[in-house]
Protein backbone atom coordinates (compact mmCIF):
# COMPACT_ATOMS: atom_id res chain seq x y z
CA MET A 1 2.41 42.03 -5.90
CA TRP A 2 5.21 43.14 -8.28
CA LEU A 3 7.13 44.79 -5.45
CA MET A 4 6.95 41.55 -3.47
CA LEU A 5 8.13 39.56 -6.49
CA ASP A 6 10.97 42.03 -7.08
CA THR A 7 12.07 41.64 -3.46
CA ILE A 8 11.99 37.85 -3.64
CA ILE A 9 13.94 37.75 -6.91
CA ASP A 10 16.48 40.26 -5.58
CA ARG A 11 17.09 38.48 -2.27
CA ALA A 12 16.85 34.90 -3.45
CA VAL A 13 18.44 35.12 -6.89
CA ILE A 14 20.13 38.34 -7.99
CA SER A 15 22.07 38.95 -4.79
CA GLN A 16 23.49 35.40 -5.07
CA LEU A 17 24.82 35.65 -8.66
CA ASP A 18 28.52 35.43 -9.41
CA ASN A 19 30.01 38.15 -11.64
CA ASP A 20 30.30 35.70 -14.55
CA THR A 21 26.63 34.63 -14.43
CA VAL A 22 23.79 35.84 -16.65
CA LEU A 23 20.18 35.42 -15.51
CA PHE A 24 17.45 35.02 -18.16
CA VAL A 25 13.79 35.20 -17.16
CA LEU A 26 11.30 34.89 -20.01
CA GLY A 27 7.74 33.97 -20.80
CA ASP A 28 6.50 31.89 -23.70
CA HIS A 29 3.46 34.12 -24.33
CA GLY A 30 1.67 37.19 -23.09
CA MET A 31 -1.83 37.71 -21.72
CA THR A 32 -4.69 40.13 -22.25
CA SER A 33 -6.03 42.34 -19.47
CA THR A 34 -8.91 39.87 -19.06
CA GLY A 35 -6.57 36.90 -18.61
CA ASP A 36 -6.89 35.36 -22.08
CA HIS A 37 -3.74 33.81 -23.51
CA GLY A 38 -2.70 31.57 -26.36
CA GLY A 39 -4.50 33.57 -29.05
CA ASP A 40 -3.15 35.71 -31.85
CA SER A 41 -3.64 39.25 -30.48
CA PHE A 42 -0.57 41.38 -29.83
CA ASP A 43 -1.03 41.16 -26.05
CA GLU A 44 -1.14 37.36 -26.26
CA LEU A 45 1.87 37.09 -28.56
CA ASP A 46 4.05 39.65 -26.76
CA ALA A 47 6.21 38.17 -23.99
CA THR A 48 8.65 39.51 -21.45
CA LEU A 49 12.40 38.92 -21.54
CA PHE A 50 14.49 40.03 -18.55
CA VAL A 51 18.28 39.66 -18.70
CA TYR A 52 20.52 40.51 -15.75
CA SER A 53 24.19 40.17 -14.92
CA PRO A 54 26.26 41.73 -12.13
CA SER A 55 28.82 42.52 -14.86
CA VAL A 56 28.23 44.73 -17.89
CA ILE A 57 27.35 42.49 -20.83
CA SER A 58 26.36 45.17 -23.34
CA ASP A 59 26.58 48.93 -23.78
CA THR A 60 23.13 49.07 -25.37
CA VAL A 61 19.70 47.98 -24.15
CA PRO A 62 17.25 47.02 -26.91
CA GLN A 63 13.61 47.83 -26.23
CA GLN A 64 12.34 45.02 -28.46
CA VAL A 65 13.86 41.65 -29.33
CA SER A 66 12.58 39.26 -31.96
CA ARG A 67 11.69 35.86 -30.52
CA PHE A 68 13.91 34.32 -33.22
CA PHE A 69 16.87 36.31 -31.92
CA ILE A 70 16.56 34.90 -28.40
CA SER A 71 18.02 31.49 -29.27
CA MET A 72 21.10 33.20 -30.72
CA CYS A 73 21.50 35.14 -27.46
CA PHE A 74 21.50 31.90 -25.46
CA VAL A 75 24.14 30.39 -27.73
CA LYS A 76 26.36 33.45 -27.28
CA PHE A 77 26.34 33.11 -23.50
CA LEU A 78 26.76 29.34 -23.50
CA VAL A 79 29.87 29.29 -25.68
């Protein structure tokens, strides 16, 4: 499933991006291994953030980002 999704995203989206474009893919919440979501467990509160650009946008790659920091990231790329 993930390999298929990776292929679709690569062919349909990433390969079409201009060098001055940044792609953000994010979720608003996570999910437990049993499919529960919307609760207050770590698995339900943790969400994925994927950022991609054909150009280098940063020399560092953070492993964790606070959800409050995300809005500042959007502002940086919109200005």
